[in-house]
Each structure stands twice: as structure tokens, then as C-alpha cells.
Amino acid sequence: MSHRLQVLVPEALDRRIRKAAHRNRLSAGAWVRQAIERALQENLQGDPLDQLAALGAPTGDIEQVLAEIDAGRG
């Protein structure tokens, strides 16, 4: 089921949206829906701790990590 969402945008933004939609051979509504989906995927991808874990940064016991940092400074 679809729901209507009315958003007021300045004329300049409306022109930019319509041009982008035209370049992508989409309606302005379809282009905006895709832009919203992309923004949500980029900004709301689950738990922040899961995002940090996905970075693949080195992890370990805090004392060991601090010792390694200190050893790297020496």
C-alpha cells in the first residue's frame, strides 16, 4: 500500500530534481523515492556497533591495544 507524502521544496530545488529525474529517465516522484531510499540506506544501516565492527579495524583487549599503541610510538 502506498501513502502520499507532500513535501514543499523551493523552486530551485524543484528544477534540480526534475532535471535529475529527466537525465535518469524517471518521473520526479520516482527519482525522489529512489533518493530517499539511498539516503536511508546510507544513514540508517542498523546498529552503530555493527557498523563499527564491519569496518574491519583491529580489535582486542584494551590493555593489549594500548600497549601496541605505546610500542608504536617508541
PDB file of N, CA and C in Angstrom:
ATOM      1  N   MET A   1       0.850  -1.173   0.000  1.00  0.00           N
ATOM      2  CA  MET A   1       0.000   0.000   0.000  1.00  0.00           C
ATOM      3  C   MET A   1       0.897   1.238   0.000  1.00  0.00           C
ATOM      4  N   SER A   2       0.549   2.197  -0.810  1.00  0.00           N
ATOM      5  CA  SER A   2       1.309   3.440  -0.885  1.00  0.00           C
ATOM      6  C   SER A   2       0.627   4.522  -0.069  1.00  0.00           C
ATOM      7  N   HIS A   3       1.446   5.435   0.415  1.00  0.00           N
ATOM      8  CA  HIS A   3       0.935   6.590   1.158  1.00  0.00           C
ATOM      9  C   HIS A   3       1.451   7.842   0.489  1.00  0.00           C
ATOM     10  N   ARG A   4       0.631   8.862   0.511  1.00  0.00           N
ATOM     11  CA  ARG A   4       1.011  10.137  -0.088  1.00  0.00           C
ATOM     12  C   ARG A   4       1.794  10.952   0.935  1.00  0.00           C
ATOM     13  N   LEU A   5       2.912  11.514   0.485  1.00  0.00           N
ATOM     14  CA  LEU A   5       3.720  12.404   1.310  1.00  0.00           C
ATOM     15  C   LEU A   5       3.928  13.677   0.515  1.00  0.00           C
ATOM     16  N   GLN A   6       3.457  14.770   1.039  1.00  0.00           N
ATOM     17  CA  GLN A   6       3.610  16.044   0.342  1.00  0.00           C
ATOM     18  C   GLN A   6       4.750  16.816   0.985  1.00  0.00           C
ATOM     19  N   VAL A   7       5.725  17.197   0.165  1.00  0.00           N
ATOM     20  CA  VAL A   7       6.880  17.941   0.639  1.00  0.00           C
ATOM     21  C   VAL A   7       7.007  19.201  -0.196  1.00  0.00           C
ATOM     22  N   LEU A   8       7.074  20.328   0.462  1.00  0.00           N
ATOM     23  CA  LEU A   8       7.244  21.587  -0.251  1.00  0.00           C
ATOM     24  C   LEU A   8       8.730  21.877  -0.395  1.00  0.00           C
ATOM     25  N   VAL A   9       9.155  22.168  -1.632  1.00  0.00           N
ATOM     26  CA  VAL A   9      10.560  22.473  -1.902  1.00  0.00           C
ATOM     27  C   VAL A   9      10.638  23.801  -2.639  1.00  0.00           C
ATOM     28  N   PRO A  10      11.730  24.525  -2.464  1.00  0.00           N
ATOM     29  CA  PRO A  10      11.906  25.777  -3.206  1.00  0.00           C
ATOM     30  C   PRO A  10      11.972  25.505  -4.713  1.00  0.00           C
ATOM     31  N   GLU A  11      11.657  26.515  -5.505  1.00  0.00           N
ATOM     32  CA  GLU A  11      11.648  26.354  -6.961  1.00  0.00           C
ATOM     33  C   GLU A  11      12.980  25.851  -7.499  1.00  0.00           C
ATOM     34  N   ALA A  12      14.068  26.376  -6.974  1.00  0.00           N
ATOM     35  CA  ALA A  12      15.383  25.979  -7.474  1.00  0.00           C
ATOM     36  C   ALA A  12      15.629  24.486  -7.243  1.00  0.00           C
ATOM     37  N   LEU A  13      15.238  23.988  -6.086  1.00  0.00           N
ATOM     38  CA  LEU A  13      15.400  22.564  -5.796  1.00  0.00           C
ATOM     39  C   LEU A  13      14.484  21.730  -6.688  1.00  0.00           C
ATOM     40  N   ASP A  14      13.285  22.196  -6.909  1.00  0.00           N
ATOM     41  CA  ASP A  14      12.350  21.503  -7.786  1.00  0.00           C
ATOM     42  C   ASP A  14      12.934  21.378  -9.195  1.00  0.00           C
ATOM     43  N   ARG A  15      13.544  22.436  -9.697  1.00  0.00           N
ATOM     44  CA  ARG A  15      14.173  22.386 -11.023  1.00  0.00           C
ATOM     45  C   ARG A  15      15.294  21.350 -11.057  1.00  0.00           C
ATOM     46  N   ARG A  16      16.114  21.332  -9.998  1.00  0.00           N
ATOM     47  CA  ARG A  16      17.221  20.365  -9.933  1.00  0.00           C
ATOM     48  C   ARG A  16      16.700  18.929  -9.893  1.00  0.00           C
ATOM     49  N   ILE A  17      15.643  18.700  -9.130  1.00  0.00           N
ATOM     50  CA  ILE A  17      15.042  17.365  -9.039  1.00  0.00           C
ATOM     51  C   ILE A  17      14.519  16.937 -10.406  1.00  0.00           C
ATOM     52  N   ARG A  18      13.802  17.823 -11.052  1.00  0.00           N
ATOM     53  CA  ARG A  18      13.214  17.485 -12.362  1.00  0.00           C
ATOM     54  C   ARG A  18      14.293  17.230 -13.411  1.00  0.00           C
ATOM     55  N   LYS A  19      15.366  18.011 -13.385  1.00  0.00           N
ATOM     56  CA  LYS A  19      16.466  17.791 -14.332  1.00  0.00           C
ATOM     57  C   LYS A  19      17.134  16.446 -14.077  1.00  0.00           C
ATOM     58  N   ALA A  20      17.381  16.130 -12.798  1.00  0.00           N
ATOM     59  CA  ALA A  20      18.000  14.852 -12.445  1.00  0.00           C
ATOM     60  C   ALA A  20      17.084  13.697 -12.853  1.00  0.00           C
ATOM     61  N   ALA A  21      15.799  13.838 -12.621  1.00  0.00           N
ATOM     62  CA  ALA A  21      14.839  12.797 -12.994  1.00  0.00           C
ATOM     63  C   ALA A  21      14.833  12.610 -14.509  1.00  0.00           C
ATOM     64  N   HIS A  22      14.838  13.706 -15.239  1.00  0.00           N
ATOM     65  CA  HIS A  22      14.828  13.630 -16.697  1.00  0.00           C
ATOM     66  C   HIS A  22      16.084  12.933 -17.217  1.00  0.00           C
ATOM     67  N   ARG A  23      17.248  13.286 -16.647  1.00  0.00           N
ATOM     68  CA  ARG A  23      18.508  12.656 -17.062  1.00  0.00           C
ATOM     69  C   ARG A  23      18.467  11.149 -16.835  1.00  0.00           C
ATOM     70  N   ASN A  24      17.783  10.721 -15.793  1.00  0.00           N
ATOM     71  CA  ASN A  24      17.698   9.300 -15.458  1.00  0.00           C
ATOM     72  C   ASN A  24      16.451   8.629 -16.033  1.00  0.00           C
ATOM     73  N   ARG A  25      15.734   9.376 -16.858  1.00  0.00           N
ATOM     74  CA  ARG A  25      14.502   8.871 -17.495  1.00  0.00           C
ATOM     75  C   ARG A  25      13.504   8.355 -16.466  1.00  0.00           C
ATOM     76  N   LEU A  26      13.323   9.147 -15.419  1.00  0.00           N
ATOM     77  CA  LEU A  26      12.375   8.820 -14.357  1.00  0.00           C
ATOM     78  C   LEU A  26      11.415   9.975 -14.167  1.00  0.00           C
ATOM     79  N   SER A  27      10.285   9.685 -13.551  1.00  0.00           N
ATOM     80  CA  SER A  27       9.416  10.774 -13.118  1.00  0.00           C
ATOM     81  C   SER A  27      10.078  11.423 -11.901  1.00  0.00           C
ATOM     82  N   ALA A  28       9.680  12.639 -11.612  1.00  0.00           N
ATOM     83  CA  ALA A  28      10.236  13.315 -10.431  1.00  0.00           C
ATOM     84  C   ALA A  28       9.911  12.514  -9.170  1.00  0.00           C
ATOM     85  N   GLY A  29       8.715  11.973  -9.092  1.00  0.00           N
ATOM     86  CA  GLY A  29       8.331  11.178  -7.924  1.00  0.00           C
ATOM     87  C   GLY A  29       9.188   9.938  -7.759  1.00  0.00           C
ATOM     88  N   ALA A  30       9.442   9.228  -8.872  1.00  0.00           N
ATOM     89  CA  ALA A  30      10.282   8.026  -8.810  1.00  0.00           C
ATOM     90  C   ALA A  30      11.706   8.391  -8.409  1.00  0.00           C
ATOM     91  N   TRP A  31      12.199   9.498  -8.950  1.00  0.00           N
ATOM     92  CA  TRP A  31      13.565   9.913  -8.621  1.00  0.00           C
ATOM     93  C   TRP A  31      13.675  10.242  -7.132  1.00  0.00           C
ATOM     94  N   VAL A  32      12.679  10.955  -6.605  1.00  0.00           N
ATOM     95  CA  VAL A  32      12.691  11.317  -5.179  1.00  0.00           C
ATOM     96  C   VAL A  32      12.597  10.068  -4.314  1.00  0.00           C
ATOM     97  N   ARG A  33      11.749   9.110  -4.685  1.00  0.00           N
ATOM     98  CA  ARG A  33      11.649   7.868  -3.910  1.00  0.00           C
ATOM     99  C   ARG A  33      12.990   7.140  -3.878  1.00  0.00           C
ATOM    100  N   GLN A  34      13.673   7.073  -5.019  1.00  0.00           N
ATOM    101  CA  GLN A  34      14.988   6.425  -5.061  1.00  0.00           C
ATOM    102  C   GLN A  34      16.003   7.184  -4.208  1.00  0.00           C
ATOM    103  N   ALA A  35      15.957   8.510  -4.266  1.00  0.00           N
ATOM    104  CA  ALA A  35      16.893   9.321  -3.474  1.00  0.00           C
ATOM    105  C   ALA A  35      16.656   9.104  -1.978  1.00  0.00           C
ATOM    106  N   ILE A  36      15.402   9.005  -1.585  1.00  0.00           N
ATOM    107  CA  ILE A  36      15.086   8.750  -0.182  1.00  0.00           C
ATOM    108  C   ILE A  36      15.592   7.373   0.233  1.00  0.00           C
ATOM    109  N   GLU A  37      15.376   6.368  -0.611  1.00  0.00           N
ATOM    110  CA  GLU A  37      15.866   5.014  -0.303  1.00  0.00           C
ATOM    111  C   GLU A  37      17.382   5.009  -0.139  1.00  0.00           C
ATOM    112  N   ARG A  38      18.108   5.683  -1.054  1.00  0.00           N
ATOM    113  CA  ARG A  38      19.571   5.737  -0.955  1.00  0.00           C
ATOM    114  C   ARG A  38      19.997   6.419   0.340  1.00  0.00           C
ATOM    115  N   ALA A  39      19.353   7.521   0.668  1.00  0.00           N
ATOM    116  CA  ALA A  39      19.702   8.254   1.895  1.00  0.00           C
ATOM    117  C   ALA A  39      19.461   7.392   3.130  1.00  0.00           C
ATOM    118  N   LEU A  40      18.365   6.669   3.142  1.00  0.00           N
ATOM    119  CA  LEU A  40      18.075   5.808   4.289  1.00  0.00           C
ATOM    120  C   LEU A  40      19.077   4.666   4.386  1.00  0.00           C
ATOM    121  N   GLN A  41      19.463   4.083   3.258  1.00  0.00           N
ATOM    122  CA  GLN A  41      20.448   3.009   3.273  1.00  0.00           C
ATOM    123  C   GLN A  41      21.798   3.503   3.784  1.00  0.00           C
ATOM    124  N   GLU A  42      22.189   4.700   3.369  1.00  0.00           N
ATOM    125  CA  GLU A  42      23.479   5.255   3.773  1.00  0.00           C
ATOM    126  C   GLU A  42      23.500   5.656   5.241  1.00  0.00           C
ATOM    127  N   ASN A  43      22.390   6.134   5.754  1.00  0.00           N
ATOM    128  CA  ASN A  43      22.380   6.727   7.086  1.00  0.00           C
ATOM    129  C   ASN A  43      21.760   5.861   8.178  1.00  0.00           C
ATOM    130  N   LEU A  44      21.039   4.856   7.825  1.00  0.00           N
ATOM    131  CA  LEU A  44      20.322   4.072   8.837  1.00  0.00           C
ATOM    132  C   LEU A  44      20.600   2.586   8.686  1.00  0.00           C
ATOM    133  N   GLN A  45      21.842   2.206   8.576  1.00  0.00           N
ATOM    134  CA  GLN A  45      22.168   0.803   8.341  1.00  0.00           C
ATOM    135  C   GLN A  45      22.390   0.054   9.652  1.00  0.00           C
ATOM    136  N   GLY A  46      21.361  -0.065  10.425  1.00  0.00           N
ATOM    137  CA  GLY A  46      21.430  -0.899  11.608  1.00  0.00           C
ATOM    138  C   GLY A  46      22.135  -0.277  12.795  1.00  0.00           C
ATOM    139  N   ASP A  47      22.567  -1.149  13.664  1.00  0.00           N
ATOM    140  CA  ASP A  47      23.190  -0.786  14.933  1.00  0.00           C
ATOM    141  C   ASP A  47      24.563  -0.141  14.703  1.00  0.00           C
ATOM    142  N   PRO A  48      24.847   0.979  15.349  1.00  0.00           N
ATOM    143  CA  PRO A  48      26.155   1.638  15.182  1.00  0.00           C
ATOM    144  C   PRO A  48      27.330   0.732  15.539  1.00  0.00           C
ATOM    145  N   LEU A  49      27.161  -0.138  16.529  1.00  0.00           N
ATOM    146  CA  LEU A  49      28.250  -1.050  16.884  1.00  0.00           C
ATOM    147  C   LEU A  49      28.502  -2.066  15.771  1.00  0.00           C
ATOM    148  N   ASP A  50      27.444  -2.489  15.103  1.00  0.00           N
ATOM    149  CA  ASP A  50      27.611  -3.387  13.962  1.00  0.00           C
ATOM    150  C   ASP A  50      28.346  -2.675  12.834  1.00  0.00           C
ATOM    151  N   GLN A  51      28.051  -1.393  12.639  1.00  0.00           N
ATOM    152  CA  GLN A  51      28.740  -0.608  11.611  1.00  0.00           C
ATOM    153  C   GLN A  51      30.228  -0.512  11.923  1.00  0.00           C
ATOM    154  N   LEU A  52      30.550  -0.273  13.179  1.00  0.00           N
ATOM    155  CA  LEU A  52      31.965  -0.206  13.568  1.00  0.00           C
ATOM    156  C   LEU A  52      32.651  -1.541  13.358  1.00  0.00           C
ATOM    157  N   ALA A  53      31.982  -2.605  13.724  1.00  0.00           N
ATOM    158  CA  ALA A  53      32.565  -3.936  13.558  1.00  0.00           C
ATOM    159  C   ALA A  53      32.802  -4.254  12.091  1.00  0.00           C
ATOM    160  N   ALA A  54      31.938  -3.753  11.227  1.00  0.00           N
ATOM    161  CA  ALA A  54      32.062  -4.014   9.796  1.00  0.00           C
ATOM    162  C   ALA A  54      33.263  -3.304   9.175  1.00  0.00           C
ATOM    163  N   LEU A  55      33.842  -2.341   9.863  1.00  0.00           N
ATOM    164  CA  LEU A  55      34.994  -1.618   9.333  1.00  0.00           C
ATOM    165  C   LEU A  55      36.236  -2.494   9.242  1.00  0.00           C
ATOM    166  N   GLY A  56      36.252  -3.552  10.017  1.00  0.00           N
ATOM    167  CA  GLY A  56      37.396  -4.452   9.986  1.00  0.00           C
ATOM    168  C   GLY A  56      38.623  -3.883  10.675  1.00  0.00           C
ATOM    169  N   ALA A  57      38.437  -2.936  11.563  1.00  0.00           N
ATOM    170  CA  ALA A  57      39.552  -2.339  12.301  1.00  0.00           C
ATOM    171  C   ALA A  57      40.067  -3.346  13.321  1.00  0.00           C
ATOM    172  N   PRO A  58      41.340  -3.219  13.690  1.00  0.00           N
ATOM    173  CA  PRO A  58      41.875  -4.150  14.692  1.00  0.00           C
ATOM    174  C   PRO A  58      41.153  -3.994  16.025  1.00  0.00           C
ATOM    175  N   THR A  59      40.921  -5.108  16.659  1.00  0.00           N
ATOM    176  CA  THR A  59      40.255  -5.095  17.958  1.00  0.00           C
ATOM    177  C   THR A  59      40.998  -6.036  18.895  1.00  0.00           C
ATOM    178  N   GLY A  60      40.685  -5.930  20.146  1.00  0.00           N
ATOM    179  CA  GLY A  60      41.290  -6.825  21.117  1.00  0.00           C
ATOM    180  C   GLY A  60      41.114  -6.286  22.510  1.00  0.00           C
ATOM    181  N   ASP A  61      41.787  -6.923  23.431  1.00  0.00           N
ATOM    182  CA  ASP A  61      41.778  -6.497  24.817  1.00  0.00           C
ATOM    183  C   ASP A  61      42.312  -5.066  24.895  1.00  0.00           C
ATOM    184  N   ILE A  62      41.666  -4.218  25.650  1.00  0.00           N
ATOM    185  CA  ILE A  62      42.041  -2.803  25.708  1.00  0.00           C
ATOM    186  C   ILE A  62      43.487  -2.618  26.166  1.00  0.00           C
ATOM    187  N   GLU A  63      43.928  -3.406  27.122  1.00  0.00           N
ATOM    188  CA  GLU A  63      45.306  -3.282  27.601  1.00  0.00           C
ATOM    189  C   GLU A  63      46.294  -3.637  26.489  1.00  0.00           C
ATOM    190  N   GLN A  64      45.970  -4.669  25.735  1.00  0.00           N
ATOM    191  CA  GLN A  64      46.841  -5.075  24.631  1.00  0.00           C
ATOM    192  C   GLN A  64      46.878  -3.990  23.547  1.00  0.00           C
ATOM    193  N   VAL A  65      45.717  -3.445  23.213  1.00  0.00           N
ATOM    194  CA  VAL A  65      45.654  -2.400  22.191  1.00  0.00           C
ATOM    195  C   VAL A  65      46.460  -1.184  22.635  1.00  0.00           C
ATOM    196  N   LEU A  66      46.296  -0.765  23.900  1.00  0.00           N
ATOM    197  CA  LEU A  66      47.045   0.383  24.402  1.00  0.00           C
ATOM    198  C   LEU A  66      48.542   0.109  24.402  1.00  0.00           C
ATOM    199  N   ALA A  67      48.944  -1.107  24.768  1.00  0.00           N
ATOM    200  CA  ALA A  67      50.363  -1.476  24.745  1.00  0.00           C
ATOM    201  C   ALA A  67      50.915  -1.414  23.322  1.00  0.00           C
ATOM    202  N   GLU A  68      50.144  -1.868  22.344  1.00  0.00           N
ATOM    203  CA  GLU A  68      50.577  -1.820  20.958  1.00  0.00           C
ATOM    204  C   GLU A  68      50.701  -0.377  20.470  1.00  0.00           C
ATOM    205  N   ILE A  69      49.769   0.466  20.893  1.00  0.00           N
ATOM    206  CA  ILE A  69      49.843   1.881  20.527  1.00  0.00           C
ATOM    207  C   ILE A  69      51.112   2.492  21.108  1.00  0.00           C
ATOM    208  N   ASP A  70      51.358   2.234  22.399  1.00  0.00           N
ATOM    209  CA  ASP A  70      52.556   2.771  23.032  1.00  0.00           C
ATOM    210  C   ASP A  70      53.826   2.234  22.367  1.00  0.00           C
ATOM    211  N   ALA A  71      53.830   0.967  22.003  1.00  0.00           N
ATOM    212  CA  ALA A  71      55.008   0.375  21.359  1.00  0.00           C
ATOM    213  C   ALA A  71      55.254   1.042  20.003  1.00  0.00           C
ATOM    214  N   GLY A  72      54.183   1.406  19.324  1.00  0.00           N
ATOM    215  CA  GLY A  72      54.320   2.060  18.014  1.00  0.00           C
ATOM    216  C   GLY A  72      54.871   3.469  18.120  1.00  0.00           C
ATOM    217  N   ARG A  73      54.721   4.088  19.266  1.00  0.00           N
ATOM    218  CA  ARG A  73      55.220   5.452  19.462  1.00  0.00           C
ATOM    219  C   ARG A  73      56.700   5.469  19.812  1.00  0.00           C
ATOM    220  N   GLY A  74      57.228   4.339  20.248  1.00  0.00           N
ATOM    221  CA  GLY A  74      58.586   4.277  20.772  1.00  0.00           C
ATOM    222  C   GLY A  74      59.646   4.094  19.735  1.00  0.00           C
TER     223      GLY A  74
END
